[in-house]
Amino acid sequence: MCDAECRVGDVEVLVKFNAACDEWGLDTIPAVLALAMDLTERGIEDFGVRFGQADAYVTASEVTATRSGVGDELALPWHEAAHRH
């Protein structure tokens, strides 16, 4: 699950993330979000979200759904996103 992969352990944040994903019709286990965090941490590309960042974790659902900014890339299946880097 992304909450473990993304190192977000706050239950309230996880509930907000799941509710936002439900609202936007998104999968709640986005491997692409964990990939984006890893690429950001490694300095390969800045997706604006790092492991354990609760606020950015929740915001990622809206950015992905609206495909705004880095959301266009976050909306891709993980294997397509991974091949771009």
PDB file of N, CA and C in Angstrom:
ATOM      1  N   MET A   1       0.827  -1.186   0.000  1.00  0.00           N
ATOM      2  CA  MET A   1       0.000   0.000   0.000  1.00  0.00           C
ATOM      3  C   MET A   1       0.870   1.248   0.000  1.00  0.00           C
ATOM      4  N   CYS A   2       0.369   2.286  -0.605  1.00  0.00           N
ATOM      5  CA  CYS A   2       1.152   3.509  -0.722  1.00  0.00           C
ATOM      6  C   CYS A   2       1.442   4.153   0.622  1.00  0.00           C
ATOM      7  N   ASP A   3       0.537   4.029   1.582  1.00  0.00           N
ATOM      8  CA  ASP A   3       0.803   4.660   2.874  1.00  0.00           C
ATOM      9  C   ASP A   3       2.084   4.113   3.483  1.00  0.00           C
ATOM     10  N   ALA A   4       2.331   2.828   3.346  1.00  0.00           N
ATOM     11  CA  ALA A   4       3.572   2.247   3.860  1.00  0.00           C
ATOM     12  C   ALA A   4       4.744   2.613   2.960  1.00  0.00           C
ATOM     13  N   GLU A   5       4.555   2.513   1.654  1.00  0.00           N
ATOM     14  CA  GLU A   5       5.611   2.859   0.711  1.00  0.00           C
ATOM     15  C   GLU A   5       6.005   4.329   0.825  1.00  0.00           C
ATOM     16  N   CYS A   6       5.042   5.169   1.087  1.00  0.00           N
ATOM     17  CA  CYS A   6       5.278   6.611   1.130  1.00  0.00           C
ATOM     18  C   CYS A   6       5.623   7.111   2.530  1.00  0.00           C
ATOM     19  N   ARG A   7       5.640   6.211   3.487  1.00  0.00           N
ATOM     20  CA  ARG A   7       6.026   6.516   4.867  1.00  0.00           C
ATOM     21  C   ARG A   7       5.119   7.556   5.532  1.00  0.00           C
ATOM     22  N   VAL A   8       3.847   7.429   5.269  1.00  0.00           N
ATOM     23  CA  VAL A   8       2.863   8.302   5.907  1.00  0.00           C
ATOM     24  C   VAL A   8       2.074   7.420   6.864  1.00  0.00           C
ATOM     25  N   GLY A   9       2.236   7.651   8.159  1.00  0.00           N
ATOM     26  CA  GLY A   9       1.607   6.800   9.149  1.00  0.00           C
ATOM     27  C   GLY A   9       0.480   7.439   9.924  1.00  0.00           C
ATOM     28  N   ASP A  10       0.209   8.709   9.679  1.00  0.00           N
ATOM     29  CA  ASP A  10      -0.847   9.427  10.387  1.00  0.00           C
ATOM     30  C   ASP A  10      -2.205   8.983   9.845  1.00  0.00           C
ATOM     31  N   VAL A  11      -3.012   8.378  10.691  1.00  0.00           N
ATOM     32  CA  VAL A  11      -4.299   7.834  10.271  1.00  0.00           C
ATOM     33  C   VAL A  11      -5.207   8.913   9.692  1.00  0.00           C
ATOM     34  N   GLU A  12      -5.223  10.101  10.298  1.00  0.00           N
ATOM     35  CA  GLU A  12      -6.064  11.189   9.776  1.00  0.00           C
ATOM     36  C   GLU A  12      -5.653  11.570   8.359  1.00  0.00           C
ATOM     37  N   VAL A  13      -4.358  11.589   8.091  1.00  0.00           N
ATOM     38  CA  VAL A  13      -3.862  11.905   6.748  1.00  0.00           C
ATOM     39  C   VAL A  13      -4.283  10.814   5.775  1.00  0.00           C
ATOM     40  N   LEU A  14      -4.182   9.577   6.186  1.00  0.00           N
ATOM     41  CA  LEU A  14      -4.571   8.467   5.315  1.00  0.00           C
ATOM     42  C   LEU A  14      -6.058   8.514   4.988  1.00  0.00           C
ATOM     43  N   VAL A  15      -6.875   8.881   5.963  1.00  0.00           N
ATOM     44  CA  VAL A  15      -8.312   9.019   5.729  1.00  0.00           C
ATOM     45  C   VAL A  15      -8.574  10.153   4.738  1.00  0.00           C
ATOM     46  N   LYS A  16      -7.888  11.285   4.918  1.00  0.00           N
ATOM     47  CA  LYS A  16      -8.038  12.413   3.983  1.00  0.00           C
ATOM     48  C   LYS A  16      -7.611  12.011   2.574  1.00  0.00           C
ATOM     49  N   PHE A  17      -6.481  11.307   2.473  1.00  0.00           N
ATOM     50  CA  PHE A  17      -5.985  10.868   1.176  1.00  0.00           C
ATOM     51  C   PHE A  17      -6.992   9.938   0.501  1.00  0.00           C
ATOM     52  N   ASN A  18      -7.495   8.952   1.255  1.00  0.00           N
ATOM     53  CA  ASN A  18      -8.467   8.018   0.691  1.00  0.00           C
ATOM     54  C   ASN A  18      -9.756   8.718   0.280  1.00  0.00           C
ATOM     55  N   ALA A  19     -10.218   9.670   1.086  1.00  0.00           N
ATOM     56  CA  ALA A  19     -11.429  10.423   0.754  1.00  0.00           C
ATOM     57  C   ALA A  19     -11.216  11.255  -0.507  1.00  0.00           C
ATOM     58  N   ALA A  20     -10.043  11.894  -0.613  1.00  0.00           N
ATOM     59  CA  ALA A  20      -9.747  12.700  -1.799  1.00  0.00           C
ATOM     60  C   ALA A  20      -9.673  11.817  -3.039  1.00  0.00           C
ATOM     61  N   CYS A  21      -9.048  10.659  -2.914  1.00  0.00           N
ATOM     62  CA  CYS A  21      -8.975   9.733  -4.048  1.00  0.00           C
ATOM     63  C   CYS A  21     -10.364   9.260  -4.451  1.00  0.00           C
ATOM     64  N   ASP A  22     -11.204   8.953  -3.472  1.00  0.00           N
ATOM     65  CA  ASP A  22     -12.583   8.553  -3.769  1.00  0.00           C
ATOM     66  C   ASP A  22     -13.320   9.663  -4.498  1.00  0.00           C
ATOM     67  N   GLU A  23     -13.137  10.893  -4.023  1.00  0.00           N
ATOM     68  CA  GLU A  23     -13.798  12.043  -4.646  1.00  0.00           C
ATOM     69  C   GLU A  23     -13.370  12.214  -6.105  1.00  0.00           C
ATOM     70  N   TRP A  24     -12.082  12.011  -6.373  1.00  0.00           N
ATOM     71  CA  TRP A  24     -11.548  12.188  -7.729  1.00  0.00           C
ATOM     72  C   TRP A  24     -11.623  10.913  -8.562  1.00  0.00           C
ATOM     73  N   GLY A  25     -12.032   9.806  -7.961  1.00  0.00           N
ATOM     74  CA  GLY A  25     -12.117   8.552  -8.701  1.00  0.00           C
ATOM     75  C   GLY A  25     -10.760   7.932  -8.987  1.00  0.00           C
ATOM     76  N   LEU A  26      -9.830   8.086  -8.047  1.00  0.00           N
ATOM     77  CA  LEU A  26      -8.469   7.574  -8.235  1.00  0.00           C
ATOM     78  C   LEU A  26      -8.223   6.319  -7.420  1.00  0.00           C
ATOM     79  N   ASP A  27      -7.285   5.507  -7.901  1.00  0.00           N
ATOM     80  CA  ASP A  27      -6.818   4.341  -7.167  1.00  0.00           C
ATOM     81  C   ASP A  27      -6.131   4.830  -5.900  1.00  0.00           C
ATOM     82  N   THR A  28      -6.374   4.176  -4.791  1.00  0.00           N
ATOM     83  CA  THR A  28      -5.767   4.602  -3.529  1.00  0.00           C
ATOM     84  C   THR A  28      -4.419   3.943  -3.270  1.00  0.00           C
ATOM     85  N   ILE A  29      -3.917   3.165  -4.214  1.00  0.00           N
ATOM     86  CA  ILE A  29      -2.614   2.522  -4.062  1.00  0.00           C
ATOM     87  C   ILE A  29      -1.743   2.927  -5.256  1.00  0.00           C
ATOM     88  N   PRO A  30      -1.448   4.219  -5.371  1.00  0.00           N
ATOM     89  CA  PRO A  30      -0.710   4.689  -6.544  1.00  0.00           C
ATOM     90  C   PRO A  30       0.798   4.479  -6.417  1.00  0.00           C
ATOM     91  N   ALA A  31       1.295   3.448  -7.061  1.00  0.00           N
ATOM     92  CA  ALA A  31       2.737   3.186  -7.045  1.00  0.00           C
ATOM     93  C   ALA A  31       3.501   4.349  -7.664  1.00  0.00           C
ATOM     94  N   VAL A  32       2.853   5.092  -8.556  1.00  0.00           N
ATOM     95  CA  VAL A  32       3.518   6.233  -9.194  1.00  0.00           C
ATOM     96  C   VAL A  32       3.868   7.296  -8.160  1.00  0.00           C
ATOM     97  N   LEU A  33       3.044   7.465  -7.150  1.00  0.00           N
ATOM     98  CA  LEU A  33       3.333   8.452  -6.106  1.00  0.00           C
ATOM     99  C   LEU A  33       4.595   8.063  -5.338  1.00  0.00           C
ATOM    100  N   ALA A  34       4.728   6.794  -5.017  1.00  0.00           N
ATOM    101  CA  ALA A  34       5.948   6.321  -4.351  1.00  0.00           C
ATOM    102  C   ALA A  34       7.155   6.490  -5.269  1.00  0.00           C
ATOM    103  N   LEU A  35       6.982   6.216  -6.554  1.00  0.00           N
ATOM    104  CA  LEU A  35       8.059   6.422  -7.523  1.00  0.00           C
ATOM    105  C   LEU A  35       8.449   7.898  -7.581  1.00  0.00           C
ATOM    106  N   ALA A  36       7.447   8.785  -7.608  1.00  0.00           N
ATOM    107  CA  ALA A  36       7.720  10.225  -7.651  1.00  0.00           C
ATOM    108  C   ALA A  36       8.477  10.667  -6.402  1.00  0.00           C
ATOM    109  N   MET A  37       8.118  10.124  -5.260  1.00  0.00           N
ATOM    110  CA  MET A  37       8.828  10.447  -4.021  1.00  0.00           C
ATOM    111  C   MET A  37      10.275   9.982  -4.100  1.00  0.00           C
ATOM    112  N   ASP A  38      10.477   8.787  -4.623  1.00  0.00           N
ATOM    113  CA  ASP A  38      11.830   8.244  -4.748  1.00  0.00           C
ATOM    114  C   ASP A  38      12.670   9.101  -5.701  1.00  0.00           C
ATOM    115  N   LEU A  39      12.109   9.472  -6.840  1.00  0.00           N
ATOM    116  CA  LEU A  39      12.841  10.295  -7.803  1.00  0.00           C
ATOM    117  C   LEU A  39      13.164  11.669  -7.230  1.00  0.00           C
ATOM    118  N   THR A  40      12.240  12.219  -6.444  1.00  0.00           N
ATOM    119  CA  THR A  40      12.480  13.511  -5.793  1.00  0.00           C
ATOM    120  C   THR A  40      13.596  13.382  -4.765  1.00  0.00           C
ATOM    121  N   GLU A  41      13.521  12.340  -3.945  1.00  0.00           N
ATOM    122  CA  GLU A  41      14.544  12.126  -2.914  1.00  0.00           C
ATOM    123  C   GLU A  41      15.935  11.941  -3.528  1.00  0.00           C
ATOM    124  N   ARG A  42      15.989  11.280  -4.670  1.00  0.00           N
ATOM    125  CA  ARG A  42      17.276  11.028  -5.328  1.00  0.00           C
ATOM    126  C   ARG A  42      17.791  12.236  -6.115  1.00  0.00           C
ATOM    127  N   GLY A  43      16.942  13.261  -6.262  1.00  0.00           N
ATOM    128  CA  GLY A  43      17.353  14.450  -6.994  1.00  0.00           C
ATOM    129  C   GLY A  43      17.284  14.283  -8.502  1.00  0.00           C
ATOM    130  N   ILE A  44      16.577  13.266  -8.976  1.00  0.00           N
ATOM    131  CA  ILE A  44      16.460  13.012 -10.412  1.00  0.00           C
ATOM    132  C   ILE A  44      15.466  13.966 -11.040  1.00  0.00           C
ATOM    133  N   GLU A  45      14.342  14.161 -10.368  1.00  0.00           N
ATOM    134  CA  GLU A  45      13.321  15.115 -10.814  1.00  0.00           C
ATOM    135  C   GLU A  45      12.530  15.534  -9.585  1.00  0.00           C
ATOM    136  N   ASP A  46      12.123  16.786  -9.535  1.00  0.00           N
ATOM    137  CA  ASP A  46      11.397  17.283  -8.367  1.00  0.00           C
ATOM    138  C   ASP A  46       9.891  17.245  -8.630  1.00  0.00           C
ATOM    139  N   PHE A  47       9.240  16.293  -7.983  1.00  0.00           N
ATOM    140  CA  PHE A  47       7.791  16.181  -8.090  1.00  0.00           C
ATOM    141  C   PHE A  47       7.089  16.924  -6.966  1.00  0.00           C
ATOM    142  N   GLY A  48       7.865  17.554  -6.090  1.00  0.00           N
ATOM    143  CA  GLY A  48       7.284  18.338  -5.010  1.00  0.00           C
ATOM    144  C   GLY A  48       6.709  17.519  -3.875  1.00  0.00           C
ATOM    145  N   VAL A  49       7.060  16.260  -3.821  1.00  0.00           N
ATOM    146  CA  VAL A  49       6.564  15.399  -2.743  1.00  0.00           C
ATOM    147  C   VAL A  49       7.691  14.466  -2.311  1.00  0.00           C
ATOM    148  N   ARG A  50       7.875  14.391  -0.990  1.00  0.00           N
ATOM    149  CA  ARG A  50       8.931  13.543  -0.419  1.00  0.00           C
ATOM    150  C   ARG A  50       8.305  12.531   0.537  1.00  0.00           C
ATOM    151  N   PHE A  51       9.043  11.472   0.804  1.00  0.00           N
ATOM    152  CA  PHE A  51       8.569  10.459   1.743  1.00  0.00           C
ATOM    153  C   PHE A  51       8.197  11.105   3.075  1.00  0.00           C
ATOM    154  N   GLY A  52       7.036  10.745   3.585  1.00  0.00           N
ATOM    155  CA  GLY A  52       6.589  11.226   4.877  1.00  0.00           C
ATOM    156  C   GLY A  52       5.929  12.591   4.877  1.00  0.00           C
ATOM    157  N   GLN A  53       5.864  13.274   3.742  1.00  0.00           N
ATOM    158  CA  GLN A  53       5.236  14.602   3.681  1.00  0.00           C
ATOM    159  C   GLN A  53       3.728  14.453   3.578  1.00  0.00           C
ATOM    160  N   ALA A  54       3.069  14.565   4.692  1.00  0.00           N
ATOM    161  CA  ALA A  54       1.630  14.327   4.747  1.00  0.00           C
ATOM    162  C   ALA A  54       0.825  15.281   3.866  1.00  0.00           C
ATOM    163  N   ASP A  55       1.099  16.580   3.927  1.00  0.00           N
ATOM    164  CA  ASP A  55       0.321  17.546   3.143  1.00  0.00           C
ATOM    165  C   ASP A  55       0.461  17.297   1.639  1.00  0.00           C
ATOM    166  N   ALA A  56       1.681  17.080   1.185  1.00  0.00           N
ATOM    167  CA  ALA A  56       1.919  16.836  -0.238  1.00  0.00           C
ATOM    168  C   ALA A  56       1.294  15.516  -0.673  1.00  0.00           C
ATOM    169  N   TYR A  57       1.270  14.552   0.219  1.00  0.00           N
ATOM    170  CA  TYR A  57       0.661  13.248  -0.043  1.00  0.00           C
ATOM    171  C   TYR A  57      -0.823  13.413  -0.346  1.00  0.00           C
ATOM    172  N   VAL A  58      -1.505  14.189   0.457  1.00  0.00           N
ATOM    173  CA  VAL A  58      -2.936  14.417   0.256  1.00  0.00           C
ATOM    174  C   VAL A  58      -3.174  15.260  -0.999  1.00  0.00           C
ATOM    175  N   THR A  59      -2.386  16.290  -1.195  1.00  0.00           N
ATOM    176  CA  THR A  59      -2.534  17.172  -2.356  1.00  0.00           C
ATOM    177  C   THR A  59      -2.291  16.437  -3.669  1.00  0.00           C
ATOM    178  N   ALA A  60      -1.484  15.408  -3.631  1.00  0.00           N
ATOM    179  CA  ALA A  60      -1.141  14.664  -4.849  1.00  0.00           C
ATOM    180  C   ALA A  60      -2.373  14.103  -5.556  1.00  0.00           C
ATOM    181  N   SER A  61      -3.415  13.772  -4.812  1.00  0.00           N
ATOM    182  CA  SER A  61      -4.621  13.231  -5.451  1.00  0.00           C
ATOM    183  C   SER A  61      -5.272  14.262  -6.363  1.00  0.00           C
ATOM    184  N   GLU A  62      -5.384  15.504  -5.914  1.00  0.00           N
ATOM    185  CA  GLU A  62      -5.988  16.550  -6.750  1.00  0.00           C
ATOM    186  C   GLU A  62      -5.097  16.884  -7.938  1.00  0.00           C
ATOM    187  N   VAL A  63      -3.810  16.993  -7.690  1.00  0.00           N
ATOM    188  CA  VAL A  63      -2.863  17.303  -8.773  1.00  0.00           C
ATOM    189  C   VAL A  63      -2.914  16.214  -9.841  1.00  0.00           C
ATOM    190  N   THR A  64      -3.005  14.969  -9.405  1.00  0.00           N
ATOM    191  CA  THR A  64      -3.073  13.843 -10.338  1.00  0.00           C
ATOM    192  C   THR A  64      -4.387  13.858 -11.110  1.00  0.00           C
ATOM    193  N   ALA A  65      -5.496  14.026 -10.415  1.00  0.00           N
ATOM    194  CA  ALA A  65      -6.809  14.002 -11.058  1.00  0.00           C
ATOM    195  C   ALA A  65      -6.982  15.123 -12.065  1.00  0.00           C
ATOM    196  N   THR A  66      -6.458  16.296 -11.746  1.00  0.00           N
ATOM    197  CA  THR A  66      -6.608  17.437 -12.648  1.00  0.00           C
ATOM    198  C   THR A  66      -5.471  17.521 -13.666  1.00  0.00           C
ATOM    199  N   ARG A  67      -4.476  16.642 -13.486  1.00  0.00           N
ATOM    200  CA  ARG A  67      -3.303  16.586 -14.363  1.00  0.00           C
ATOM    201  C   ARG A  67      -2.613  17.947 -14.447  1.00  0.00           C
ATOM    202  N   SER A  68      -2.639  18.650 -13.319  1.00  0.00           N
ATOM    203  CA  SER A  68      -1.985  19.961 -13.287  1.00  0.00           C
ATOM    204  C   SER A  68      -0.541  19.803 -12.831  1.00  0.00           C
ATOM    205  N   GLY A  69       0.342  20.554 -13.439  1.00  0.00           N
ATOM    206  CA  GLY A  69       1.755  20.481 -13.102  1.00  0.00           C
ATOM    207  C   GLY A  69       2.289  19.072 -13.270  1.00  0.00           C
ATOM    208  N   VAL A  70       2.899  18.540 -12.228  1.00  0.00           N
ATOM    209  CA  VAL A  70       3.461  17.184 -12.279  1.00  0.00           C
ATOM    210  C   VAL A  70       2.373  16.120 -12.288  1.00  0.00           C
ATOM    211  N   GLY A  71       1.132  16.514 -12.058  1.00  0.00           N
ATOM    212  CA  GLY A  71       0.022  15.567 -12.046  1.00  0.00           C
ATOM    213  C   GLY A  71      -0.163  14.848 -13.360  1.00  0.00           C
ATOM    214  N   ASP A  72       0.233  15.474 -14.461  1.00  0.00           N
ATOM    215  CA  ASP A  72       0.127  14.822 -15.761  1.00  0.00           C
ATOM    216  C   ASP A  72       0.979  13.563 -15.788  1.00  0.00           C
ATOM    217  N   GLU A  73       2.162  13.645 -15.213  1.00  0.00           N
ATOM    218  CA  GLU A  73       3.041  12.486 -15.148  1.00  0.00           C
ATOM    219  C   GLU A  73       2.595  11.504 -14.052  1.00  0.00           C
ATOM    220  N   LEU A  74       2.080  12.032 -12.942  1.00  0.00           N
ATOM    221  CA  LEU A  74       1.608  11.158 -11.865  1.00  0.00           C
ATOM    222  C   LEU A  74       0.390  10.345 -12.289  1.00  0.00           C
ATOM    223  N   ALA A  75      -0.334  10.805 -13.290  1.00  0.00           N
ATOM    224  CA  ALA A  75      -1.524  10.101 -13.764  1.00  0.00           C
ATOM    225  C   ALA A  75      -1.178   8.890 -14.632  1.00  0.00           C
ATOM    226  N   LEU A  76       0.073   8.759 -15.009  1.00  0.00           N
ATOM    227  CA  LEU A  76       0.490   7.629 -15.841  1.00  0.00           C
ATOM    228  C   LEU A  76       0.572   6.344 -15.025  1.00  0.00           C
ATOM    229  N   PRO A  77       0.408   5.194 -15.693  1.00  0.00           N
ATOM    230  CA  PRO A  77       0.691   3.932 -14.997  1.00  0.00           C
ATOM    231  C   PRO A  77       2.159   3.925 -14.569  1.00  0.00           C
ATOM    232  N   TRP A  78       2.471   3.306 -13.434  1.00  0.00           N
ATOM    233  CA  TRP A  78       3.818   3.374 -12.866  1.00  0.00           C
ATOM    234  C   TRP A  78       4.884   2.911 -13.846  1.00  0.00           C
ATOM    235  N   HIS A  79       4.593   1.879 -14.646  1.00  0.00           N
ATOM    236  CA  HIS A  79       5.623   1.380 -15.554  1.00  0.00           C
ATOM    237  C   HIS A  79       5.936   2.379 -16.665  1.00  0.00           C
ATOM    238  N   GLU A  80       4.959   3.159 -17.087  1.00  0.00           N
ATOM    239  CA  GLU A  80       5.214   4.209 -18.088  1.00  0.00           C
ATOM    240  C   GLU A  80       6.009   5.358 -17.462  1.00  0.00           C
ATOM    241  N   ALA A  81       5.630   5.749 -16.262  1.00  0.00           N
ATOM    242  CA  ALA A  81       6.352   6.816 -15.578  1.00  0.00           C
ATOM    243  C   ALA A  81       7.796   6.410 -15.315  1.00  0.00           C
ATOM    244  N   ALA A  82       8.002   5.164 -14.921  1.00  0.00           N
ATOM    245  CA  ALA A  82       9.354   4.681 -14.619  1.00  0.00           C
ATOM    246  C   ALA A  82      10.238   4.692 -15.860  1.00  0.00           C
ATOM    247  N   HIS A  83       9.668   4.368 -17.009  1.00  0.00           N
ATOM    248  CA  HIS A  83      10.454   4.347 -18.247  1.00  0.00           C
ATOM    249  C   HIS A  83      10.865   5.732 -18.718  1.00  0.00           C
ATOM    250  N   ARG A  84      10.196   6.741 -18.228  1.00  0.00           N
ATOM    251  CA  ARG A  84      10.556   8.119 -18.606  1.00  0.00           C
ATOM    252  C   ARG A  84      11.793   8.606 -17.863  1.00  0.00           C
ATOM    253  N   HIS A  85      12.199   7.876 -16.820  1.00  0.00           N
ATOM    254  CA  HIS A  85      13.315   8.325 -15.987  1.00  0.00           C
ATOM    255  C   HIS A  85      14.402   7.332 -16.014  1.00  0.00           C
TER     256      HIS A  85
END
